[in-house]
N, C-alpha and C. Protein backbone atom coordinates (compact mmCIF):
# COMPACT_ATOMS: atom_id res chain seq x y z
N VAL A 1 -31.41 7.84 6.07
CA VAL A 1 -30.46 7.10 6.90
C VAL A 1 -29.42 6.44 5.99
N LEU A 2 -28.17 6.69 6.29
CA LEU A 2 -27.07 6.12 5.54
C LEU A 2 -26.83 4.69 6.01
N LYS A 3 -26.86 3.75 5.06
CA LYS A 3 -26.58 2.35 5.38
C LYS A 3 -25.21 2.02 4.81
N VAL A 4 -24.30 1.59 5.68
CA VAL A 4 -22.94 1.30 5.29
C VAL A 4 -22.64 -0.17 5.57
N ILE A 5 -22.02 -0.82 4.61
CA ILE A 5 -21.51 -2.17 4.80
C ILE A 5 -20.05 -2.11 4.40
N GLY A 6 -19.17 -2.62 5.25
CA GLY A 6 -17.75 -2.50 5.01
C GLY A 6 -17.08 -3.81 4.65
N VAL A 7 -15.92 -3.70 4.02
CA VAL A 7 -15.04 -4.84 3.75
C VAL A 7 -13.72 -4.53 4.46
N PRO A 8 -13.40 -5.25 5.53
CA PRO A 8 -12.16 -4.97 6.26
C PRO A 8 -10.94 -5.43 5.48
N THR A 9 -9.84 -4.68 5.63
CA THR A 9 -8.61 -5.01 4.91
C THR A 9 -7.58 -5.70 5.80
N SER A 10 -7.92 -5.94 7.06
CA SER A 10 -7.03 -6.68 7.95
C SER A 10 -7.88 -7.32 9.04
N GLU A 11 -7.30 -8.29 9.71
CA GLU A 11 -8.02 -8.95 10.82
C GLU A 11 -8.21 -7.96 11.97
N ALA A 12 -7.24 -7.06 12.19
CA ALA A 12 -7.39 -6.05 13.24
C ALA A 12 -8.55 -5.10 12.92
N THR A 13 -8.68 -4.69 11.66
CA THR A 13 -9.78 -3.81 11.26
C THR A 13 -11.11 -4.55 11.40
N ARG A 14 -11.13 -5.82 11.05
CA ARG A 14 -12.35 -6.63 11.21
C ARG A 14 -12.80 -6.63 12.67
N ALA A 15 -11.87 -6.87 13.58
CA ALA A 15 -12.20 -6.91 15.01
C ALA A 15 -12.72 -5.55 15.49
N ASP A 16 -12.07 -4.46 15.04
CA ASP A 16 -12.53 -3.11 15.43
C ASP A 16 -13.93 -2.84 14.90
N ALA A 17 -14.19 -3.19 13.64
CA ALA A 17 -15.52 -2.96 13.04
C ALA A 17 -16.60 -3.76 13.77
N GLU A 18 -16.29 -5.02 14.06
CA GLU A 18 -17.28 -5.84 14.77
C GLU A 18 -17.56 -5.28 16.15
N ARG A 19 -16.53 -4.81 16.84
CA ARG A 19 -16.70 -4.24 18.17
C ARG A 19 -17.56 -2.97 18.12
N CYS A 20 -17.45 -2.21 17.02
CA CYS A 20 -18.22 -0.97 16.86
C CYS A 20 -19.59 -1.19 16.20
N GLY A 21 -19.90 -2.42 15.84
CA GLY A 21 -21.20 -2.72 15.25
C GLY A 21 -21.33 -2.38 13.78
N VAL A 22 -20.21 -2.24 13.06
CA VAL A 22 -20.26 -1.96 11.63
C VAL A 22 -20.55 -3.26 10.89
N PRO A 23 -21.60 -3.30 10.07
CA PRO A 23 -21.90 -4.52 9.31
C PRO A 23 -20.79 -4.77 8.28
N LEU A 24 -20.40 -6.03 8.12
CA LEU A 24 -19.31 -6.39 7.22
C LEU A 24 -19.74 -7.40 6.18
N THR A 25 -19.04 -7.39 5.07
CA THR A 25 -19.23 -8.36 4.01
C THR A 25 -17.85 -8.70 3.45
N THR A 26 -17.83 -9.46 2.37
CA THR A 26 -16.57 -9.80 1.71
C THR A 26 -16.71 -9.53 0.21
N LEU A 27 -15.59 -9.52 -0.48
CA LEU A 27 -15.63 -9.34 -1.93
C LEU A 27 -16.08 -10.61 -2.64
N ASP A 28 -16.27 -11.69 -1.91
CA ASP A 28 -16.88 -12.89 -2.47
C ASP A 28 -18.40 -12.74 -2.51
N GLU A 29 -18.93 -11.90 -1.62
CA GLU A 29 -20.38 -11.74 -1.51
C GLU A 29 -20.92 -10.57 -2.33
N ILE A 30 -20.07 -9.59 -2.68
CA ILE A 30 -20.49 -8.45 -3.49
C ILE A 30 -19.53 -8.30 -4.66
N ASP A 31 -19.99 -7.63 -5.72
CA ASP A 31 -19.14 -7.55 -6.92
C ASP A 31 -18.27 -6.31 -6.98
N HIS A 32 -18.62 -5.25 -6.26
CA HIS A 32 -17.79 -4.05 -6.22
C HIS A 32 -18.16 -3.22 -5.01
N LEU A 33 -17.31 -2.24 -4.72
CA LEU A 33 -17.55 -1.30 -3.64
C LEU A 33 -17.73 0.10 -4.22
N ASP A 34 -18.54 0.90 -3.58
CA ASP A 34 -18.73 2.28 -4.03
C ASP A 34 -17.49 3.11 -3.74
N ILE A 35 -16.90 2.90 -2.56
CA ILE A 35 -15.80 3.76 -2.14
C ILE A 35 -14.88 3.04 -1.18
N THR A 36 -13.61 3.36 -1.29
CA THR A 36 -12.61 2.95 -0.30
C THR A 36 -12.08 4.23 0.33
N VAL A 37 -12.01 4.24 1.64
CA VAL A 37 -11.39 5.34 2.38
C VAL A 37 -10.24 4.73 3.15
N ASP A 38 -9.04 5.25 2.92
CA ASP A 38 -7.86 4.64 3.54
C ASP A 38 -6.81 5.71 3.73
N GLY A 39 -5.76 5.37 4.42
CA GLY A 39 -4.63 6.25 4.62
C GLY A 39 -3.52 5.89 3.65
N ALA A 40 -2.39 6.55 3.78
CA ALA A 40 -1.21 6.25 2.96
C ALA A 40 0.03 6.67 3.73
N ASP A 41 1.12 6.03 3.40
CA ASP A 41 2.40 6.39 4.01
C ASP A 41 3.07 7.53 3.24
N GLU A 42 2.82 7.61 1.92
CA GLU A 42 3.28 8.72 1.08
C GLU A 42 2.30 8.92 -0.07
N ILE A 43 2.18 10.18 -0.50
CA ILE A 43 1.31 10.55 -1.62
C ILE A 43 2.09 11.54 -2.48
N ASP A 44 2.16 11.28 -3.80
CA ASP A 44 2.84 12.22 -4.68
C ASP A 44 1.82 13.06 -5.47
N PRO A 45 2.26 14.07 -6.21
CA PRO A 45 1.32 14.95 -6.92
C PRO A 45 0.44 14.24 -7.96
N GLU A 46 0.84 13.05 -8.43
CA GLU A 46 -0.01 12.28 -9.35
C GLU A 46 -0.98 11.38 -8.60
N LEU A 47 -0.99 11.48 -7.27
CA LEU A 47 -1.76 10.64 -6.35
C LEU A 47 -1.33 9.17 -6.43
N ASN A 48 -0.07 8.94 -6.79
CA ASN A 48 0.53 7.62 -6.58
C ASN A 48 0.84 7.53 -5.09
N LEU A 49 0.77 6.33 -4.56
CA LEU A 49 0.92 6.14 -3.12
C LEU A 49 1.97 5.09 -2.80
N ILE A 50 2.54 5.22 -1.61
CA ILE A 50 3.19 4.09 -0.95
C ILE A 50 2.32 3.76 0.24
N LYS A 51 1.91 2.50 0.31
CA LYS A 51 1.11 1.98 1.42
C LYS A 51 1.76 0.69 1.91
N GLY A 52 1.36 0.26 3.08
CA GLY A 52 1.83 -1.01 3.60
C GLY A 52 2.64 -0.93 4.87
N GLY A 53 2.75 0.29 5.43
CA GLY A 53 3.46 0.42 6.69
C GLY A 53 2.86 -0.42 7.80
N GLY A 54 1.55 -0.66 7.72
CA GLY A 54 0.88 -1.49 8.70
C GLY A 54 0.84 -2.96 8.32
N GLY A 55 1.29 -3.28 7.10
CA GLY A 55 1.40 -4.68 6.69
C GLY A 55 0.20 -5.26 5.97
N ALA A 56 -0.83 -4.45 5.68
CA ALA A 56 -2.04 -4.99 5.04
C ALA A 56 -2.13 -4.61 3.57
N LEU A 57 -1.00 -4.36 2.91
CA LEU A 57 -1.02 -3.81 1.55
C LEU A 57 -1.73 -4.70 0.54
N LEU A 58 -1.61 -6.01 0.64
CA LEU A 58 -2.26 -6.90 -0.33
C LEU A 58 -3.78 -6.75 -0.26
N ARG A 59 -4.34 -6.88 0.91
CA ARG A 59 -5.79 -6.75 1.05
C ARG A 59 -6.25 -5.33 0.73
N GLU A 60 -5.46 -4.33 1.13
CA GLU A 60 -5.82 -2.95 0.82
C GLU A 60 -5.88 -2.71 -0.68
N LYS A 61 -4.94 -3.29 -1.43
CA LYS A 61 -4.93 -3.09 -2.87
C LYS A 61 -6.09 -3.83 -3.54
N ILE A 62 -6.41 -5.01 -3.07
CA ILE A 62 -7.55 -5.76 -3.62
C ILE A 62 -8.84 -4.96 -3.42
N VAL A 63 -9.04 -4.42 -2.23
CA VAL A 63 -10.24 -3.64 -1.94
C VAL A 63 -10.26 -2.36 -2.76
N ALA A 64 -9.13 -1.66 -2.84
CA ALA A 64 -9.09 -0.41 -3.63
C ALA A 64 -9.40 -0.67 -5.10
N ALA A 65 -8.86 -1.76 -5.65
CA ALA A 65 -9.10 -2.08 -7.06
C ALA A 65 -10.55 -2.46 -7.33
N ALA A 66 -11.25 -2.95 -6.30
CA ALA A 66 -12.65 -3.34 -6.46
C ALA A 66 -13.60 -2.17 -6.21
N SER A 67 -13.07 -0.99 -5.96
CA SER A 67 -13.88 0.18 -5.60
C SER A 67 -14.01 1.15 -6.76
N ASP A 68 -15.15 1.83 -6.81
CA ASP A 68 -15.35 2.87 -7.82
C ASP A 68 -14.44 4.07 -7.57
N ARG A 69 -14.23 4.40 -6.29
CA ARG A 69 -13.38 5.54 -5.91
C ARG A 69 -12.55 5.16 -4.70
N MET A 70 -11.35 5.73 -4.63
CA MET A 70 -10.51 5.59 -3.44
C MET A 70 -10.15 6.99 -2.95
N ILE A 71 -10.54 7.28 -1.73
CA ILE A 71 -10.20 8.55 -1.10
C ILE A 71 -9.15 8.27 -0.04
N VAL A 72 -8.05 8.99 -0.11
CA VAL A 72 -6.96 8.84 0.85
C VAL A 72 -7.03 10.00 1.83
N ILE A 73 -6.99 9.68 3.11
CA ILE A 73 -6.99 10.70 4.15
C ILE A 73 -5.67 10.59 4.90
N ALA A 74 -4.97 11.72 5.01
CA ALA A 74 -3.66 11.70 5.66
C ALA A 74 -3.32 13.09 6.18
N ASP A 75 -2.30 13.15 7.04
CA ASP A 75 -1.79 14.46 7.43
C ASP A 75 -0.84 14.94 6.34
N ASP A 76 -0.62 16.24 6.28
CA ASP A 76 0.12 16.80 5.14
C ASP A 76 1.61 16.42 5.11
N THR A 77 2.12 15.77 6.16
CA THR A 77 3.51 15.29 6.10
C THR A 77 3.65 14.11 5.15
N LYS A 78 2.55 13.49 4.76
CA LYS A 78 2.59 12.35 3.83
C LYS A 78 2.69 12.80 2.37
N TRP A 79 2.45 14.09 2.11
CA TRP A 79 2.52 14.66 0.76
C TRP A 79 3.97 14.91 0.42
N VAL A 80 4.45 14.28 -0.65
CA VAL A 80 5.87 14.40 -1.04
C VAL A 80 5.97 14.69 -2.54
N PRO A 81 7.03 15.39 -2.97
CA PRO A 81 7.18 15.64 -4.40
C PRO A 81 7.52 14.37 -5.18
N THR A 82 8.24 13.44 -4.53
CA THR A 82 8.64 12.19 -5.16
C THR A 82 8.55 11.08 -4.12
N LEU A 83 7.94 9.96 -4.48
CA LEU A 83 7.84 8.83 -3.55
C LEU A 83 9.22 8.25 -3.26
N GLY A 84 9.35 7.63 -2.08
CA GLY A 84 10.55 6.88 -1.77
C GLY A 84 11.20 7.18 -0.45
N ARG A 85 10.86 8.27 0.17
CA ARG A 85 11.42 8.56 1.50
C ARG A 85 10.97 7.49 2.49
N PHE A 86 9.68 7.11 2.42
CA PHE A 86 9.15 6.03 3.26
C PHE A 86 9.59 4.71 2.63
N PRO A 87 10.05 3.76 3.43
CA PRO A 87 10.47 2.47 2.85
C PRO A 87 9.33 1.79 2.09
N LEU A 88 9.65 1.28 0.91
CA LEU A 88 8.66 0.60 0.07
C LEU A 88 8.49 -0.84 0.54
N PRO A 89 7.28 -1.20 1.01
CA PRO A 89 7.04 -2.58 1.40
C PRO A 89 6.82 -3.46 0.16
N VAL A 90 7.46 -4.61 0.17
CA VAL A 90 7.27 -5.61 -0.88
C VAL A 90 6.89 -6.91 -0.18
N GLU A 91 5.67 -7.37 -0.42
CA GLU A 91 5.18 -8.59 0.24
C GLU A 91 5.66 -9.80 -0.56
N VAL A 92 6.32 -10.73 0.12
CA VAL A 92 6.96 -11.86 -0.55
C VAL A 92 6.56 -13.18 0.10
N ILE A 93 6.70 -14.24 -0.68
CA ILE A 93 6.54 -15.59 -0.15
C ILE A 93 7.86 -15.97 0.50
N PRO A 94 7.84 -16.55 1.70
CA PRO A 94 9.10 -16.90 2.36
C PRO A 94 9.96 -17.89 1.57
N PHE A 95 9.32 -18.82 0.85
CA PHE A 95 10.08 -19.80 0.07
C PHE A 95 10.90 -19.10 -1.01
N GLY A 96 12.15 -19.42 -1.11
CA GLY A 96 13.00 -18.86 -2.15
C GLY A 96 13.32 -17.40 -1.96
N LEU A 97 13.35 -16.94 -0.71
CA LEU A 97 13.53 -15.51 -0.44
C LEU A 97 14.81 -14.96 -1.06
N GLY A 98 15.89 -15.70 -1.02
CA GLY A 98 17.15 -15.21 -1.61
C GLY A 98 17.01 -14.91 -3.09
N ALA A 99 16.40 -15.82 -3.82
CA ALA A 99 16.20 -15.61 -5.26
C ALA A 99 15.26 -14.43 -5.51
N THR A 100 14.23 -14.31 -4.70
CA THR A 100 13.29 -13.21 -4.85
C THR A 100 13.99 -11.88 -4.58
N ARG A 101 14.81 -11.82 -3.54
CA ARG A 101 15.53 -10.58 -3.23
C ARG A 101 16.48 -10.20 -4.36
N ARG A 102 17.16 -11.18 -4.94
CA ARG A 102 18.06 -10.88 -6.07
C ARG A 102 17.27 -10.32 -7.25
N ALA A 103 16.11 -10.89 -7.51
CA ALA A 103 15.26 -10.39 -8.60
C ALA A 103 14.76 -8.98 -8.31
N ILE A 104 14.44 -8.71 -7.06
CA ILE A 104 14.00 -7.36 -6.66
C ILE A 104 15.15 -6.37 -6.88
N GLU A 105 16.36 -6.73 -6.45
CA GLU A 105 17.53 -5.86 -6.65
C GLU A 105 17.75 -5.57 -8.13
N LYS A 106 17.58 -6.59 -8.97
CA LYS A 106 17.75 -6.41 -10.42
C LYS A 106 16.68 -5.45 -10.96
N ALA A 107 15.44 -5.62 -10.50
CA ALA A 107 14.36 -4.72 -10.93
C ALA A 107 14.65 -3.29 -10.48
N PHE A 108 15.16 -3.13 -9.27
CA PHE A 108 15.52 -1.80 -8.79
C PHE A 108 16.56 -1.17 -9.72
N ALA A 109 17.60 -1.94 -10.02
CA ALA A 109 18.68 -1.42 -10.87
C ALA A 109 18.15 -1.02 -12.24
N GLU A 110 17.28 -1.84 -12.82
CA GLU A 110 16.71 -1.54 -14.13
C GLU A 110 15.82 -0.30 -14.11
N CYS A 111 15.27 0.01 -12.92
CA CYS A 111 14.39 1.18 -12.79
C CYS A 111 15.13 2.39 -12.21
N GLY A 112 16.44 2.28 -12.05
CA GLY A 112 17.23 3.42 -11.63
C GLY A 112 17.16 3.76 -10.15
N VAL A 113 16.84 2.77 -9.32
CA VAL A 113 16.81 3.00 -7.87
C VAL A 113 17.67 1.96 -7.18
N SER A 114 18.08 2.25 -5.98
CA SER A 114 18.81 1.27 -5.18
C SER A 114 18.65 1.64 -3.72
N GLY A 115 18.95 0.69 -2.88
CA GLY A 115 18.85 0.94 -1.44
C GLY A 115 18.89 -0.35 -0.66
N GLN A 116 18.94 -0.21 0.63
CA GLN A 116 18.98 -1.36 1.52
C GLN A 116 17.60 -2.01 1.62
N MET A 117 17.60 -3.35 1.69
CA MET A 117 16.37 -4.09 1.91
C MET A 117 16.51 -4.86 3.21
N ALA A 118 15.42 -4.95 3.96
CA ALA A 118 15.43 -5.71 5.20
C ALA A 118 14.08 -6.40 5.37
N VAL A 119 14.12 -7.64 5.79
CA VAL A 119 12.89 -8.35 6.12
C VAL A 119 12.33 -7.71 7.39
N ARG A 120 11.05 -7.35 7.34
CA ARG A 120 10.41 -6.69 8.48
C ARG A 120 10.32 -7.64 9.67
N LYS A 121 10.66 -7.13 10.83
CA LYS A 121 10.57 -7.89 12.08
C LYS A 121 9.26 -7.58 12.78
N ALA A 122 8.78 -8.54 13.55
CA ALA A 122 7.56 -8.34 14.33
C ALA A 122 7.82 -7.31 15.41
N LYS A 123 6.81 -6.54 15.76
CA LYS A 123 6.96 -5.55 16.81
C LYS A 123 7.29 -6.24 18.12
N GLY A 124 8.20 -5.62 18.85
CA GLY A 124 8.57 -6.16 20.16
C GLY A 124 9.64 -7.23 20.10
N GLY A 125 10.05 -7.63 18.89
CA GLY A 125 11.09 -8.65 18.78
C GLY A 125 12.46 -8.05 18.95
N ASP A 126 13.42 -8.85 19.45
CA ASP A 126 14.78 -8.36 19.55
C ASP A 126 15.43 -8.40 18.18
N LYS A 127 16.71 -8.08 18.07
CA LYS A 127 17.34 -8.01 16.76
C LYS A 127 17.32 -9.35 16.04
N ASP A 128 17.27 -10.44 16.77
CA ASP A 128 17.11 -11.77 16.18
C ASP A 128 15.66 -12.22 16.28
N GLY A 129 14.76 -11.24 16.46
CA GLY A 129 13.35 -11.52 16.73
C GLY A 129 12.62 -12.15 15.57
N HIS A 130 11.38 -12.35 15.81
CA HIS A 130 10.52 -13.01 14.85
C HIS A 130 10.22 -12.11 13.66
N VAL A 131 10.03 -12.73 12.52
CA VAL A 131 9.67 -12.03 11.30
C VAL A 131 8.20 -11.64 11.38
N PHE A 132 7.88 -10.43 10.88
CA PHE A 132 6.49 -10.00 10.76
C PHE A 132 5.81 -10.86 9.70
N VAL A 133 4.65 -11.39 10.01
CA VAL A 133 3.90 -12.22 9.08
C VAL A 133 2.57 -11.53 8.80
N THR A 134 2.25 -11.35 7.51
CA THR A 134 1.00 -10.70 7.12
C THR A 134 -0.18 -11.61 7.41
N ASP A 135 -1.40 -11.05 7.32
CA ASP A 135 -2.60 -11.86 7.51
C ASP A 135 -2.69 -12.99 6.49
N GLY A 136 -2.02 -12.84 5.35
CA GLY A 136 -2.00 -13.87 4.32
C GLY A 136 -0.88 -14.89 4.50
N GLY A 137 -0.07 -14.74 5.55
CA GLY A 137 1.01 -15.68 5.82
C GLY A 137 2.31 -15.38 5.08
N HIS A 138 2.44 -14.17 4.55
CA HIS A 138 3.63 -13.78 3.80
C HIS A 138 4.55 -12.92 4.66
N TRP A 139 5.74 -12.63 4.13
CA TRP A 139 6.69 -11.73 4.78
C TRP A 139 6.73 -10.42 4.01
N ILE A 140 7.30 -9.40 4.63
CA ILE A 140 7.47 -8.11 3.97
C ILE A 140 8.96 -7.75 3.98
N VAL A 141 9.44 -7.37 2.81
CA VAL A 141 10.78 -6.81 2.68
C VAL A 141 10.58 -5.31 2.51
N ASP A 142 11.19 -4.52 3.41
CA ASP A 142 11.12 -3.07 3.30
C ASP A 142 12.35 -2.57 2.57
N ALA A 143 12.13 -1.82 1.48
CA ALA A 143 13.22 -1.30 0.66
C ALA A 143 13.37 0.20 0.90
N HIS A 144 14.53 0.60 1.38
CA HIS A 144 14.82 2.00 1.67
C HIS A 144 15.48 2.61 0.43
N LEU A 145 14.64 3.17 -0.44
CA LEU A 145 15.11 3.62 -1.76
C LEU A 145 15.43 5.11 -1.83
N GLY A 146 14.85 5.90 -0.96
CA GLY A 146 15.13 7.33 -0.96
C GLY A 146 14.34 8.13 -1.99
N ARG A 147 14.34 7.67 -3.23
CA ARG A 147 13.66 8.41 -4.30
C ARG A 147 13.28 7.44 -5.41
N ILE A 148 12.01 7.40 -5.77
CA ILE A 148 11.54 6.52 -6.85
C ILE A 148 11.17 7.42 -8.03
N VAL A 149 12.01 7.40 -9.07
CA VAL A 149 11.82 8.32 -10.19
C VAL A 149 10.67 7.91 -11.12
N ASP A 150 10.37 6.62 -11.21
CA ASP A 150 9.32 6.13 -12.10
C ASP A 150 8.45 5.12 -11.35
N PRO A 151 7.54 5.59 -10.48
CA PRO A 151 6.71 4.66 -9.72
C PRO A 151 5.93 3.65 -10.59
N PRO A 152 5.29 4.07 -11.71
CA PRO A 152 4.57 3.07 -12.51
C PRO A 152 5.50 2.00 -13.08
N GLY A 153 6.68 2.40 -13.55
CA GLY A 153 7.63 1.43 -14.10
C GLY A 153 8.13 0.46 -13.04
N LEU A 154 8.42 0.97 -11.85
CA LEU A 154 8.88 0.09 -10.77
C LEU A 154 7.76 -0.85 -10.34
N ALA A 155 6.54 -0.35 -10.27
CA ALA A 155 5.39 -1.19 -9.90
C ALA A 155 5.26 -2.35 -10.88
N LYS A 156 5.36 -2.07 -12.15
CA LYS A 156 5.24 -3.10 -13.18
C LYS A 156 6.37 -4.12 -13.05
N ALA A 157 7.60 -3.65 -12.83
CA ALA A 157 8.75 -4.55 -12.70
C ALA A 157 8.61 -5.46 -11.48
N LEU A 158 8.18 -4.91 -10.36
CA LEU A 158 8.02 -5.73 -9.14
C LEU A 158 6.90 -6.76 -9.30
N SER A 159 5.81 -6.36 -9.95
CA SER A 159 4.68 -7.27 -10.14
C SER A 159 5.04 -8.48 -10.99
N ALA A 160 6.08 -8.37 -11.81
CA ALA A 160 6.47 -9.46 -12.71
C ALA A 160 7.40 -10.48 -12.05
N ILE A 161 7.78 -10.27 -10.80
CA ILE A 161 8.76 -11.14 -10.14
C ILE A 161 8.06 -12.30 -9.44
N PRO A 162 8.41 -13.56 -9.81
CA PRO A 162 7.88 -14.69 -9.05
C PRO A 162 8.38 -14.60 -7.60
N GLY A 163 7.49 -14.82 -6.67
CA GLY A 163 7.84 -14.71 -5.26
C GLY A 163 7.38 -13.41 -4.64
N VAL A 164 7.16 -12.37 -5.48
CA VAL A 164 6.56 -11.13 -5.00
C VAL A 164 5.05 -11.30 -5.07
N VAL A 165 4.41 -11.22 -3.93
CA VAL A 165 2.95 -11.34 -3.87
C VAL A 165 2.31 -10.02 -4.26
N GLU A 166 2.85 -8.92 -3.71
CA GLU A 166 2.34 -7.57 -3.98
C GLU A 166 3.38 -6.58 -3.50
N HIS A 167 3.19 -5.33 -3.85
CA HIS A 167 4.09 -4.26 -3.42
C HIS A 167 3.25 -3.07 -2.99
N GLY A 168 3.87 -2.15 -2.27
CA GLY A 168 3.16 -1.02 -1.71
C GLY A 168 2.99 0.18 -2.61
N LEU A 169 3.32 0.06 -3.90
CA LEU A 169 3.06 1.14 -4.84
C LEU A 169 1.63 1.03 -5.34
N PHE A 170 0.82 2.01 -5.03
CA PHE A 170 -0.57 2.07 -5.49
C PHE A 170 -0.61 3.11 -6.60
N ILE A 171 -0.69 2.65 -7.83
CA ILE A 171 -0.60 3.51 -9.01
C ILE A 171 -1.99 3.61 -9.65
N GLY A 172 -2.48 4.83 -9.81
CA GLY A 172 -3.75 5.05 -10.48
C GLY A 172 -4.98 4.59 -9.72
N LEU A 173 -4.86 4.31 -8.44
CA LEU A 173 -6.01 3.84 -7.67
C LEU A 173 -6.70 4.96 -6.89
N ALA A 174 -5.93 5.91 -6.39
CA ALA A 174 -6.51 7.00 -5.59
C ALA A 174 -7.23 8.01 -6.49
N SER A 175 -8.46 8.32 -6.15
CA SER A 175 -9.24 9.33 -6.87
C SER A 175 -8.97 10.71 -6.31
N SER A 176 -8.83 10.78 -4.98
CA SER A 176 -8.58 12.07 -4.33
C SER A 176 -7.88 11.84 -3.01
N ALA A 177 -7.26 12.92 -2.52
CA ALA A 177 -6.58 12.88 -1.22
C ALA A 177 -7.09 14.05 -0.39
N VAL A 178 -7.34 13.79 0.87
CA VAL A 178 -7.73 14.82 1.82
C VAL A 178 -6.58 14.92 2.81
N LEU A 179 -5.90 16.08 2.79
CA LEU A 179 -4.72 16.29 3.62
C LEU A 179 -5.01 17.33 4.69
N ALA A 180 -4.65 17.00 5.93
CA ALA A 180 -4.87 17.91 7.05
C ALA A 180 -3.53 18.39 7.57
N GLY A 181 -3.45 19.68 7.87
CA GLY A 181 -2.22 20.24 8.41
C GLY A 181 -2.48 21.55 9.11
N GLY A 182 -1.41 22.24 9.46
CA GLY A 182 -1.50 23.50 10.18
C GLY A 182 -2.26 24.58 9.43
N GLU A 183 -2.28 24.49 8.11
CA GLU A 183 -2.99 25.48 7.28
C GLU A 183 -4.46 25.10 7.07
N GLY A 184 -4.88 23.97 7.62
CA GLY A 184 -6.25 23.50 7.44
C GLY A 184 -6.29 22.23 6.61
N ILE A 185 -7.40 22.05 5.91
CA ILE A 185 -7.61 20.84 5.12
C ILE A 185 -7.62 21.22 3.65
N ARG A 186 -6.93 20.41 2.85
CA ARG A 186 -7.00 20.62 1.40
C ARG A 186 -7.33 19.29 0.73
N VAL A 187 -8.04 19.39 -0.39
CA VAL A 187 -8.45 18.22 -1.15
C VAL A 187 -7.78 18.29 -2.51
N ILE A 188 -7.14 17.20 -2.89
CA ILE A 188 -6.48 17.11 -4.20
C ILE A 188 -7.18 16.02 -4.99
N GLU A 189 -7.63 16.37 -6.18
CA GLU A 189 -8.29 15.41 -7.07
C GLU A 189 -7.27 14.93 -8.10
N ARG A 190 -7.35 13.66 -8.47
CA ARG A 190 -6.46 13.14 -9.50
C ARG A 190 -6.80 13.78 -10.83
N ARG A 191 -5.76 14.20 -11.53
CA ARG A 191 -5.96 14.78 -12.86
C ARG A 191 -6.44 13.69 -13.81
N LYS A 192 -7.39 14.04 -14.62
CA LYS A 192 -7.90 13.09 -15.61
C LYS A 192 -6.86 12.93 -16.71
N PRO A 193 -6.67 11.70 -17.20
CA PRO A 193 -5.77 11.53 -18.35
C PRO A 193 -6.31 12.27 -19.55
N LYS A 194 -5.42 12.69 -20.44
CA LYS A 194 -5.85 13.39 -21.65
C LYS A 194 -6.78 12.50 -22.45
N GLY A 195 -7.84 13.10 -22.98
CA GLY A 195 -8.80 12.35 -23.77
C GLY A 195 -10.02 11.92 -22.98
N ASP A 196 -9.99 12.07 -21.66
CA ASP A 196 -11.16 11.71 -20.85
C ASP A 196 -12.16 12.83 -20.78
């Protein structure tokens, strides 16, 4: 009998798991997870990801980093040669948003990307509607970059900005991807770095 205990990455997932009778714990109660199974908004050939379309990127990254393996399950439209078609979510603290946005724009320029940024609005809001607020009480700025030539470099630059809580670039976390499409299912394993 398989015994599973889960760590939810959002309050909505917690409610769904409780309703289905899935036993839950927290990362305060256990030291690591065997596996994370999650989706992605984009996946590149190096298994770098863009995540955060649903707004839970901070918790998702904490859980993925605490796991021995991360398996991404998605339809094959999420497989892209280069990340960036899907807007990159950047989770920010509302305080000092103008300064944070300017720092993000500077990081983009230094990494050779540019594009429009917009604070994410809550679903159902009008054009002057309410801002989307994450489970952690933060806001999300969606950056429409088109093409990210150096995902690891951009991830590092964004992580260094005061006011940026987290970003949707998941670098080196996915172990494998399971992609479903019209041709069937294919599994892609992350290539091992040289010397492993």
